[in-house]
Amino acid sequence: MPGVQEPKKDSERKRHFITEKIVKQPLTRRQIIRRFLALCFCAVVFGVIAGASFLLTQSFIAARLMKPEETEGTTISFSRDEPPEVTETAEPTTEPVPETETVTESEAVEDLVQDALERYHFTVDDLNQMIGGLRSQIQAVNRGIVVVHSVHQDTDWFDNPVETSGQYAGAVIARTPQELVIMTPEHAVEHADSIKVTFGNGQEVDGRMKQKDSISGLAIVSVNLEELEEDTRDNVKELVLGNSYKVREGDLVVAVGGPSGMVYSVDYGVVSYISKNTQMVDRINRVIYTDVSTNVVTGTFLVNTAGELIGWAMEPRQEAEGSSRRMAEVMGISDYKAILEKLTNGLGAPYFGIEGQEVPEVLTEQGRPQGIYVTNTLADGPAYSAGIQNGDIITKVDDKEPRTMAEFQNLVDNLECGQLVHVVVRRDGRDEYAKLEFQITVGAR
């Protein structure tokens, strides 16, 4: 109808809502400080809890989950000895020496020595005093000698368990924060189901074989320092490795360990002869011949008058021609320190498996190749298995060209067990030395 306004739709209606905004009251200074202090306190508490949890967890893992073999141990090293060089004799001087002065000085010295000898009379007390000093040195050395028990489990005819034990001498040669390292004959671990080590004060602990060397007949055994009583740790003394290159004929030496077949027995003697160029496996060694009693099976170690370890008794290689009785043969420690260092650190000693010598210069001038002449290849050794024969001349090992046995020995000592090496040899043929190449896998002694 005209004049009548139609009502608006709901969507067209304007609706007004009352909106209300709640505003927090501003914090006072006291409230701000209080909250800040509470936040700092919570941070400190949470930090302490986190640190304590970390330390406890780390201690648990180190004590329960990590095995001793997996922890990083201390590396043992021995100082190397240089063999003495042959000094050239000085040529006689052409300048004349005043004869009167030389004769006068020489006669004066001789007269003084002769006069002193005539005036002083040696007595039994003097002898006892000298022996007493040596005895004190031996007592100190015996603090580094232990008894190694080789325990073997077996059964008798009636299936009853039987335990047999052999006793061998051991020499403590190194100490680390974790263990004592002991050198002992290979017989002590050869057929052992378990190893026990007894110290001088009677304490017995478990031993563990680290490595062995079947060529030299030695084994390395270790004991955990934590298992030793404080008195034992304080009393035991590791032997100092001496310099066997300084040993001379006529030197007084002492055999310790088990020279009579019983551990802690002792014998005195002198060095009768030193073989300076004895061919041995992969090296040229010095062998000390002495008249002391030795027992290779039980274990015999040779020390000088300063109490230093200079070698150990080994199986005799051959009877000396013209000798009325067999002398003891002792391996010098200086030639063996490189191998001993590997064994004490639980590593195998590299093994090539030959005996040889360098080709003399006289023969190389006649056309023979330079290198290492193989006098013997050990049966079933790495070189033998690869095909190297007696009479071959090794001219190259990988990129090295050894010309002397000292160079070849150093080369082998720096190899690793299981390493594959490329070897070049020259083999004597009808008309020439044929070149042959081999791949050799380095073994373990």
Protein backbone atom coordinates (compact mmCIF):
# COMPACT_ATOMS: atom_id res chain seq x y z
CA MET A 1 0.00 0.00 0.00
CA PRO A 2 1.06 3.47 -0.74
CA GLY A 3 2.43 5.27 2.24
CA VAL A 4 3.10 2.08 4.15
CA GLN A 5 6.79 1.15 4.58
CA GLU A 6 7.62 -2.48 4.27
CA PRO A 7 9.64 -3.99 7.10
CA LYS A 8 13.37 -4.63 6.40
CA LYS A 9 14.77 -8.09 6.18
CA ASP A 10 16.80 -9.53 9.04
CA SER A 11 19.97 -9.45 7.00
CA GLU A 12 19.46 -5.80 6.38
CA ARG A 13 18.94 -4.98 9.97
CA LYS A 14 21.88 -3.51 11.76
CA ARG A 15 22.57 -5.19 14.99
CA HIS A 16 24.66 -3.60 17.66
CA PHE A 17 26.59 -5.77 20.19
CA ILE A 18 28.13 -4.66 23.37
CA THR A 19 31.82 -5.70 23.30
CA GLU A 20 33.92 -5.86 26.45
CA LYS A 21 37.74 -6.11 26.61
CA ILE A 22 39.33 -7.39 29.79
CA VAL A 23 42.65 -5.74 30.51
CA LYS A 24 45.06 -7.16 33.13
CA GLN A 25 46.39 -4.84 35.67
CA PRO A 26 50.04 -3.95 35.10
CA LEU A 27 52.60 -5.78 37.28
CA THR A 28 54.21 -3.93 40.04
CA ARG A 29 57.97 -3.74 40.43
CA ARG A 30 57.85 -6.15 43.35
CA GLN A 31 55.93 -8.73 41.30
CA ILE A 32 58.42 -8.44 38.41
CA ILE A 33 61.39 -9.00 40.73
CA ARG A 34 59.66 -11.92 42.43
CA ARG A 35 58.94 -13.66 39.11
CA PHE A 36 62.48 -13.05 37.87
CA LEU A 37 63.94 -14.60 40.99
CA ALA A 38 61.61 -17.60 40.69
CA LEU A 39 62.68 -18.10 37.07
CA CYS A 40 66.37 -18.01 38.03
CA PHE A 41 65.78 -20.46 40.88
CA CYS A 42 64.01 -22.92 38.55
CA ALA A 43 66.83 -22.63 36.00
CA VAL A 44 69.43 -23.43 38.65
CA VAL A 45 67.44 -26.39 39.97
CA PHE A 46 66.89 -27.84 36.50
CA GLY A 47 70.59 -27.34 35.66
CA VAL A 48 71.72 -29.17 38.79
CA ILE A 49 69.33 -32.04 38.09
CA ALA A 50 70.52 -32.30 34.47
CA GLY A 51 74.20 -32.28 35.47
CA ALA A 52 73.68 -34.89 38.17
CA SER A 53 71.74 -37.10 35.75
CA PHE A 54 74.54 -36.84 33.18
CA LEU A 55 77.24 -37.77 35.68
CA LEU A 56 75.28 -40.73 37.02
CA THR A 57 74.52 -41.97 33.53
CA GLN A 58 78.13 -41.60 32.43
CA SER A 59 79.39 -43.45 35.52
CA PHE A 60 76.89 -46.25 34.93
CA ILE A 61 77.90 -46.64 31.31
CA ALA A 62 81.62 -46.57 32.11
CA ALA A 63 81.28 -49.07 34.95
CA ARG A 64 78.71 -51.48 33.52
CA LEU A 65 78.60 -51.25 29.74
CA MET A 66 82.15 -50.48 28.61
CA LYS A 67 84.50 -53.46 28.57
CA PRO A 68 88.15 -53.01 29.57
CA GLU A 69 89.33 -54.12 26.13
CA GLU A 70 87.29 -51.37 24.47
CA THR A 71 88.78 -48.53 26.49
CA GLU A 72 91.78 -46.74 25.14
CA GLY A 73 94.85 -48.12 26.91
CA THR A 74 98.34 -46.81 27.38
CA THR A 75 100.78 -47.57 24.56
CA ILE A 76 104.00 -49.19 25.72
CA SER A 77 107.24 -48.24 24.01
CA PHE A 78 110.87 -49.24 24.49
CA SER A 79 113.89 -47.15 23.60
CA ARG A 80 115.90 -48.68 20.75
CA ASP A 81 119.62 -49.37 20.98
CA GLU A 82 121.99 -48.64 18.13
CA PRO A 83 124.55 -51.38 17.41
CA PRO A 84 128.12 -50.19 17.91
CA GLU A 85 129.85 -48.98 14.79
CA VAL A 86 133.19 -50.39 13.80
CA THR A 87 135.67 -47.61 14.35
CA GLU A 88 138.56 -47.25 12.00
CA THR A 89 141.99 -47.55 13.53
CA ALA A 90 143.88 -44.30 13.47
CA GLU A 91 146.92 -44.16 11.29
CA PRO A 92 150.18 -43.76 13.15
CA THR A 93 151.40 -40.22 13.29
CA THR A 94 154.62 -39.33 11.56
CA GLU A 95 155.63 -36.89 14.22
CA PRO A 96 158.15 -38.40 16.61
CA VAL A 97 157.12 -38.66 20.25
CA PRO A 98 159.76 -37.86 22.82
CA GLU A 99 160.82 -41.28 24.02
CA THR A 100 162.02 -40.14 27.41
CA GLU A 101 158.69 -38.52 28.29
CA THR A 102 156.61 -41.55 27.21
CA VAL A 103 158.76 -44.03 29.03
CA THR A 104 158.77 -41.91 32.14
CA GLU A 105 154.95 -41.57 32.30
CA SER A 106 154.36 -45.25 31.55
CA GLU A 107 156.83 -46.41 34.14
CA ALA A 108 155.33 -44.06 36.73
CA VAL A 109 151.83 -45.48 36.24
CA GLU A 110 153.04 -49.08 36.33
CA ASP A 111 155.04 -48.42 39.47
CA LEU A 112 152.00 -46.90 41.20
CA VAL A 113 149.76 -49.84 40.27
CA GLN A 114 152.36 -52.41 41.28
CA ASP A 115 153.00 -50.66 44.56
CA ALA A 116 149.25 -50.52 45.35
CA LEU A 117 148.83 -54.23 44.60
CA GLU A 118 151.77 -55.16 46.78
CA ARG A 119 150.62 -53.06 49.71
CA TYR A 120 146.94 -54.15 49.71
CA HIS A 121 146.12 -57.72 50.72
CA PHE A 122 142.70 -59.00 49.64
CA THR A 123 140.85 -60.93 52.30
CA VAL A 124 137.73 -63.08 52.52
CA ASP A 125 135.90 -60.04 53.86
CA ASP A 126 136.61 -58.22 50.61
CA LEU A 127 135.15 -61.13 48.65
CA ASN A 128 132.09 -61.28 50.89
CA GLN A 129 131.59 -57.55 50.48
CA MET A 130 131.64 -57.85 46.69
CA ILE A 131 129.28 -60.81 46.72
CA GLY A 132 127.05 -59.03 49.22
CA GLY A 133 126.66 -56.08 46.88
CA LEU A 134 125.78 -58.42 44.01
CA ARG A 135 123.35 -60.32 46.24
CA SER A 136 121.54 -57.07 47.09
CA GLN A 137 121.24 -56.33 43.39
CA ILE A 138 119.74 -59.77 42.76
CA GLN A 139 117.22 -59.30 45.56
CA ALA A 140 116.09 -56.10 43.87
CA VAL A 141 115.83 -57.91 40.53
CA ASN A 142 113.73 -60.70 42.07
CA ARG A 143 111.05 -58.12 42.89
CA GLY A 144 110.34 -58.19 39.16
CA ILE A 145 110.20 -62.00 38.95
CA VAL A 146 106.83 -63.77 39.28
CA VAL A 147 105.51 -67.32 39.02
CA VAL A 148 103.22 -68.01 36.06
CA HIS A 149 100.92 -71.00 36.55
CA SER A 150 99.63 -72.80 33.48
CA VAL A 151 96.33 -74.34 34.56
CA HIS A 152 94.97 -77.19 32.42
CA GLN A 153 91.58 -78.85 32.97
CA ASP A 154 91.33 -82.57 32.22
CA THR A 155 89.53 -85.76 33.32
CA ASP A 156 90.90 -89.05 34.63
CA TRP A 157 89.88 -92.57 33.61
CA PHE A 158 86.72 -92.29 35.71
CA ASP A 159 85.67 -88.93 34.16
CA ASN A 160 86.57 -87.08 37.32
CA PRO A 161 87.78 -83.51 36.73
CA VAL A 162 91.53 -83.14 37.19
CA GLU A 163 93.40 -79.86 37.26
CA THR A 164 97.12 -79.79 36.42
CA SER A 165 99.33 -76.78 36.82
CA GLY A 166 102.85 -76.03 35.63
CA GLN A 167 105.07 -73.33 37.11
CA TYR A 168 107.12 -71.00 34.95
CA ALA A 169 109.20 -67.90 35.59
CA GLY A 170 107.98 -64.52 34.41
CA ALA A 171 109.72 -61.14 34.26
CA VAL A 172 107.73 -57.93 34.76
CA ILE A 173 108.94 -55.61 31.98
CA ALA A 174 106.35 -52.80 31.90
CA ARG A 175 103.69 -51.09 34.01
CA THR A 176 100.77 -48.99 32.80
CA PRO A 177 97.94 -47.35 34.80
CA GLN A 178 95.83 -50.41 33.96
CA GLU A 179 98.13 -53.44 34.02
CA LEU A 180 101.47 -55.11 34.63
CA VAL A 181 103.08 -56.70 31.58
CA ILE A 182 105.02 -59.95 32.06
CA MET A 183 107.39 -61.79 29.72
CA THR A 184 107.34 -65.58 30.14
CA PRO A 185 108.17 -68.74 28.14
CA GLU A 186 105.64 -69.81 25.55
CA HIS A 187 105.26 -73.13 27.40
CA ALA A 188 103.38 -71.23 30.13
CA VAL A 189 100.46 -70.45 27.80
CA GLU A 190 100.78 -73.13 25.13
CA HIS A 191 98.11 -75.52 26.43
CA ALA A 192 96.70 -73.47 29.30
CA ASP A 193 92.96 -73.28 29.93
CA SER A 194 93.62 -70.45 32.38
CA ILE A 195 96.62 -68.53 33.71
CA LYS A 196 97.46 -67.62 37.29
CA VAL A 197 100.26 -65.28 38.38
CA THR A 198 101.80 -65.42 41.87
CA PHE A 199 103.87 -62.53 43.18
CA GLY A 200 106.71 -62.54 45.69
CA ASN A 201 104.45 -61.84 48.68
CA GLY A 202 102.22 -64.82 47.84
CA GLN A 203 99.26 -63.02 46.26
CA GLU A 204 97.80 -64.87 43.28
CA VAL A 205 95.67 -63.23 40.56
CA ASP A 206 94.31 -64.14 37.15
CA GLY A 207 96.53 -63.53 34.15
CA ARG A 208 95.62 -62.86 30.53
CA MET A 209 97.71 -63.71 27.49
CA LYS A 210 98.24 -60.66 25.27
CA GLN A 211 100.43 -62.16 22.54
CA LYS A 212 103.03 -64.83 21.89
CA ASP A 213 105.96 -65.36 19.55
CA SER A 214 106.44 -69.00 18.57
CA ILE A 215 109.71 -68.22 16.76
CA SER A 216 111.49 -66.92 19.86
CA GLY A 217 109.49 -69.05 22.32
CA LEU A 218 108.15 -66.11 24.34
CA ALA A 219 104.69 -65.03 25.46
CA ILE A 220 103.36 -61.82 26.98
CA VAL A 221 100.95 -62.06 29.93
CA SER A 222 99.26 -59.17 31.75
CA VAL A 223 97.51 -58.79 35.10
CA ASN A 224 95.01 -56.12 36.12
CA LEU A 225 96.50 -53.63 38.58
CA GLU A 226 93.13 -53.16 40.29
CA GLU A 227 93.20 -56.81 41.39
CA LEU A 228 96.52 -56.38 43.20
CA GLU A 229 96.74 -55.45 46.85
CA GLU A 230 98.48 -52.21 47.71
CA ASP A 231 101.42 -54.07 49.23
CA THR A 232 101.86 -56.09 46.03
CA ARG A 233 101.71 -53.02 43.79
CA ASP A 234 104.33 -51.27 45.93
CA ASN A 235 106.65 -54.26 46.16
CA VAL A 236 106.73 -55.37 42.52
CA LYS A 237 109.37 -53.70 40.38
CA GLU A 238 109.54 -53.91 36.61
CA LEU A 239 112.94 -54.85 35.17
CA VAL A 240 114.83 -52.26 33.15
CA LEU A 241 115.61 -53.37 29.60
CA GLY A 242 119.36 -52.99 29.18
CA ASN A 243 121.58 -52.61 26.13
CA SER A 244 122.88 -56.02 25.06
CA TYR A 245 125.12 -54.36 22.46
CA LYS A 246 127.36 -53.23 25.33
CA VAL A 247 127.93 -56.76 26.63
CA ARG A 248 131.52 -57.92 26.21
CA GLU A 249 133.38 -61.22 26.61
CA GLY A 250 134.40 -61.67 30.23
CA ASP A 251 131.50 -59.66 31.70
CA LEU A 252 129.93 -61.04 34.87
CA VAL A 253 126.26 -61.93 34.36
CA VAL A 254 123.51 -63.37 36.55
CA ALA A 255 120.81 -65.84 35.54
CA VAL A 256 117.47 -65.25 37.30
CA GLY A 257 113.99 -66.68 36.92
CA GLY A 258 114.37 -70.46 36.88
CA PRO A 259 117.90 -71.45 35.78
CA SER A 260 117.81 -74.61 37.97
CA GLY A 261 114.25 -75.52 36.96
CA MET A 262 112.73 -73.86 40.03
CA VAL A 263 111.46 -70.27 40.02
CA TYR A 264 113.55 -67.76 42.01
CA SER A 265 116.74 -69.80 41.57
CA VAL A 266 119.95 -67.91 40.70
CA ASP A 267 123.27 -68.64 39.02
CA TYR A 268 126.42 -66.61 38.30
CA GLY A 269 128.69 -66.79 35.30
CA VAL A 270 130.70 -64.92 32.71
CA VAL A 271 130.17 -64.19 29.03
CA SER A 272 132.35 -66.61 27.10
CA TYR A 273 131.65 -65.54 23.51
CA ILE A 274 129.37 -63.26 21.49
CA SER A 275 128.25 -64.21 17.99
CA LYS A 276 127.48 -60.89 16.30
CA ASN A 277 126.04 -62.13 12.99
CA THR A 278 123.86 -65.15 13.70
CA GLN A 279 121.25 -65.79 11.03
CA MET A 280 117.76 -66.00 12.47
CA VAL A 281 114.27 -65.68 11.07
CA ASP A 282 113.94 -62.37 9.18
CA ARG A 283 116.99 -60.87 10.91
CA ILE A 284 120.63 -61.05 11.96
CA ASN A 285 121.00 -61.23 15.75
CA ARG A 286 123.67 -61.27 18.41
CA VAL A 287 123.80 -64.43 20.49
CA ILE A 288 125.51 -64.37 23.89
CA TYR A 289 127.25 -67.58 24.99
CA THR A 290 127.74 -68.00 28.73
CA ASP A 291 128.60 -70.74 31.21
CA VAL A 292 125.64 -70.09 33.54
CA SER A 293 123.02 -72.77 34.10
CA THR A 294 119.81 -72.19 32.17
CA ASN A 295 116.41 -73.84 31.83
CA VAL A 296 114.61 -72.82 28.66
CA VAL A 297 111.30 -74.48 29.58
CA THR A 298 110.98 -72.93 33.04
CA GLY A 299 112.39 -69.63 31.83
CA THR A 300 115.79 -68.04 32.44
CA PHE A 301 116.55 -64.33 32.14
CA LEU A 302 120.01 -62.84 32.03
CA VAL A 303 120.82 -59.58 33.83
CA ASN A 304 124.04 -57.60 34.15
CA THR A 305 125.61 -56.38 37.38
CA ALA A 306 123.45 -53.24 37.20
CA GLY A 307 120.30 -55.39 37.37
CA GLU A 308 119.27 -54.65 33.76
CA LEU A 309 117.66 -57.33 31.60
CA ILE A 310 120.00 -58.09 28.68
CA GLY A 311 118.52 -61.31 27.29
CA TRP A 312 116.85 -64.66 27.88
CA ALA A 313 117.91 -68.28 27.37
CA MET A 314 116.78 -69.86 24.11
CA GLU A 315 116.94 -73.35 22.66
CA PRO A 316 120.54 -74.13 21.59
CA ARG A 317 120.92 -73.97 17.83
CA GLN A 318 123.92 -76.28 17.53
CA GLU A 319 126.78 -77.74 19.50
CA ALA A 320 129.90 -75.62 19.32
CA GLU A 321 132.71 -77.50 17.60
CA GLY A 322 135.46 -78.61 19.96
CA SER A 323 133.57 -77.55 23.11
CA SER A 324 133.74 -79.89 26.08
CA ARG A 325 130.20 -79.01 27.20
CA ARG A 326 127.24 -77.12 25.85
CA MET A 327 127.18 -73.42 26.68
CA ALA A 328 123.97 -71.54 27.26
CA GLU A 329 122.75 -69.47 24.31
CA VAL A 330 121.11 -66.17 25.19
CA MET A 331 119.17 -63.92 22.83
CA GLY A 332 120.22 -60.29 23.26
CA ILE A 333 117.36 -57.97 24.21
CA SER A 334 118.47 -55.07 21.99
CA ASP A 335 117.81 -57.01 18.76
CA TYR A 336 114.33 -57.90 20.00
CA LYS A 337 112.95 -54.60 21.31
CA ALA A 338 110.95 -53.79 18.14
CA ILE A 339 109.15 -57.16 18.31
CA LEU A 340 108.74 -56.94 22.08
CA GLU A 341 107.08 -53.53 21.76
CA LYS A 342 104.44 -54.93 19.42
CA LEU A 343 103.77 -57.95 21.65
CA THR A 344 103.37 -55.89 24.82
CA ASN A 345 100.78 -53.74 23.06
CA GLY A 346 98.79 -56.82 22.05
CA LEU A 347 99.87 -56.73 18.40
CA GLY A 348 101.22 -59.66 16.43
CA ALA A 349 104.87 -59.51 15.37
CA PRO A 350 105.21 -59.56 11.54
CA TYR A 351 106.63 -62.74 10.05
CA PHE A 352 108.17 -63.09 6.58
CA GLY A 353 109.73 -66.50 7.09
CA ILE A 354 113.27 -66.50 5.68
CA GLU A 355 116.86 -66.66 6.84
CA GLY A 356 119.28 -64.72 4.70
CA GLN A 357 122.26 -62.46 4.25
CA GLU A 358 123.17 -59.52 2.07
CA VAL A 359 124.96 -60.16 -1.20
CA PRO A 360 128.60 -59.04 -0.79
CA GLU A 361 129.88 -56.23 -2.95
CA VAL A 362 132.48 -58.54 -4.48
CA LEU A 363 129.73 -60.74 -5.95
CA THR A 364 127.62 -57.81 -7.16
CA GLU A 365 130.64 -56.59 -9.11
CA GLN A 366 130.69 -59.99 -10.80
CA GLY A 367 127.09 -59.60 -11.94
CA ARG A 368 125.05 -61.04 -9.07
CA PRO A 369 121.96 -58.92 -8.23
CA GLN A 370 121.97 -56.74 -5.12
CA GLY A 371 119.58 -57.70 -2.35
CA ILE A 372 118.97 -60.34 0.31
CA TYR A 373 120.22 -63.83 -0.50
CA VAL A 374 117.78 -66.42 0.91
CA THR A 375 119.70 -69.19 2.67
CA ASN A 376 116.61 -70.86 4.10
CA THR A 377 112.85 -70.57 3.77
CA LEU A 378 110.94 -71.86 6.78
CA ALA A 379 108.41 -74.57 5.97
CA ASP A 380 104.82 -73.33 5.86
CA GLY A 381 106.03 -69.74 6.33
CA PRO A 382 104.60 -66.85 4.28
CA ALA A 383 107.59 -66.76 1.89
CA TYR A 384 107.60 -70.56 1.46
CA SER A 385 103.84 -70.65 0.81
CA ALA A 386 104.17 -67.92 -1.83
CA GLY A 387 106.87 -69.84 -3.72
CA ILE A 388 110.16 -68.26 -2.68
CA GLN A 389 113.01 -70.79 -2.63
CA ASN A 390 116.47 -71.14 -1.16
CA GLY A 391 118.97 -69.30 -3.35
CA ASP A 392 116.53 -66.57 -4.43
CA ILE A 393 117.67 -62.97 -4.07
CA ILE A 394 115.02 -60.58 -2.75
CA THR A 395 115.52 -57.28 -4.56
CA LYS A 396 112.32 -55.41 -3.76
CA VAL A 397 109.48 -55.47 -1.19
CA ASP A 398 106.73 -53.10 -2.28
CA ASP A 399 108.61 -49.84 -2.96
CA LYS A 400 111.61 -50.70 -0.73
CA GLU A 401 114.87 -52.17 -2.02
CA PRO A 402 116.74 -53.75 0.92
CA ARG A 403 120.47 -54.11 0.42
CA THR A 404 121.51 -55.26 3.90
CA MET A 405 119.95 -57.50 6.53
CA ALA A 406 119.63 -54.48 8.83
CA GLU A 407 117.47 -52.77 6.18
CA PHE A 408 115.44 -55.94 5.61
CA GLN A 409 114.92 -56.41 9.36
CA ASN A 410 113.72 -52.82 9.76
CA LEU A 411 111.43 -53.29 6.74
CA VAL A 412 109.81 -56.42 8.18
CA ASP A 413 109.40 -54.83 11.63
CA ASN A 414 107.37 -52.02 10.05
CA LEU A 415 104.97 -54.38 8.28
CA GLU A 416 101.62 -55.45 9.73
CA CYS A 417 100.29 -58.95 10.18
CA GLY A 418 97.91 -59.81 7.34
CA GLN A 419 99.34 -57.13 5.05
CA LEU A 420 99.75 -58.11 1.39
CA VAL A 421 103.16 -57.15 -0.02
CA HIS A 422 104.56 -57.34 -3.53
CA VAL A 423 107.97 -59.05 -3.60
CA VAL A 424 110.42 -59.16 -6.50
CA VAL A 425 113.18 -61.79 -6.51
CA ARG A 426 115.94 -62.85 -8.87
CA ARG A 427 116.33 -66.60 -9.40
CA ASP A 428 119.48 -68.11 -10.85
CA GLY A 429 118.84 -69.65 -14.26
CA ARG A 430 121.01 -71.16 -16.94
CA ASP A 431 121.99 -67.91 -18.59
CA GLU A 432 120.76 -65.17 -16.28
CA TYR A 433 118.95 -64.33 -13.10
CA ALA A 434 115.25 -64.48 -13.97
CA LYS A 435 112.93 -61.89 -12.48
CA LEU A 436 110.01 -63.36 -10.52
CA GLU A 437 107.22 -61.58 -8.68
CA PHE A 438 105.19 -62.85 -5.73
CA GLN A 439 102.32 -61.68 -3.54
CA ILE A 440 103.04 -62.53 0.09
CA THR A 441 100.63 -62.22 3.00
CA VAL A 442 102.62 -61.23 6.09
CA GLY A 443 102.09 -63.70 8.92
CA ALA A 444 102.48 -63.51 12.69
CA ARG A 445 105.43 -65.00 14.53
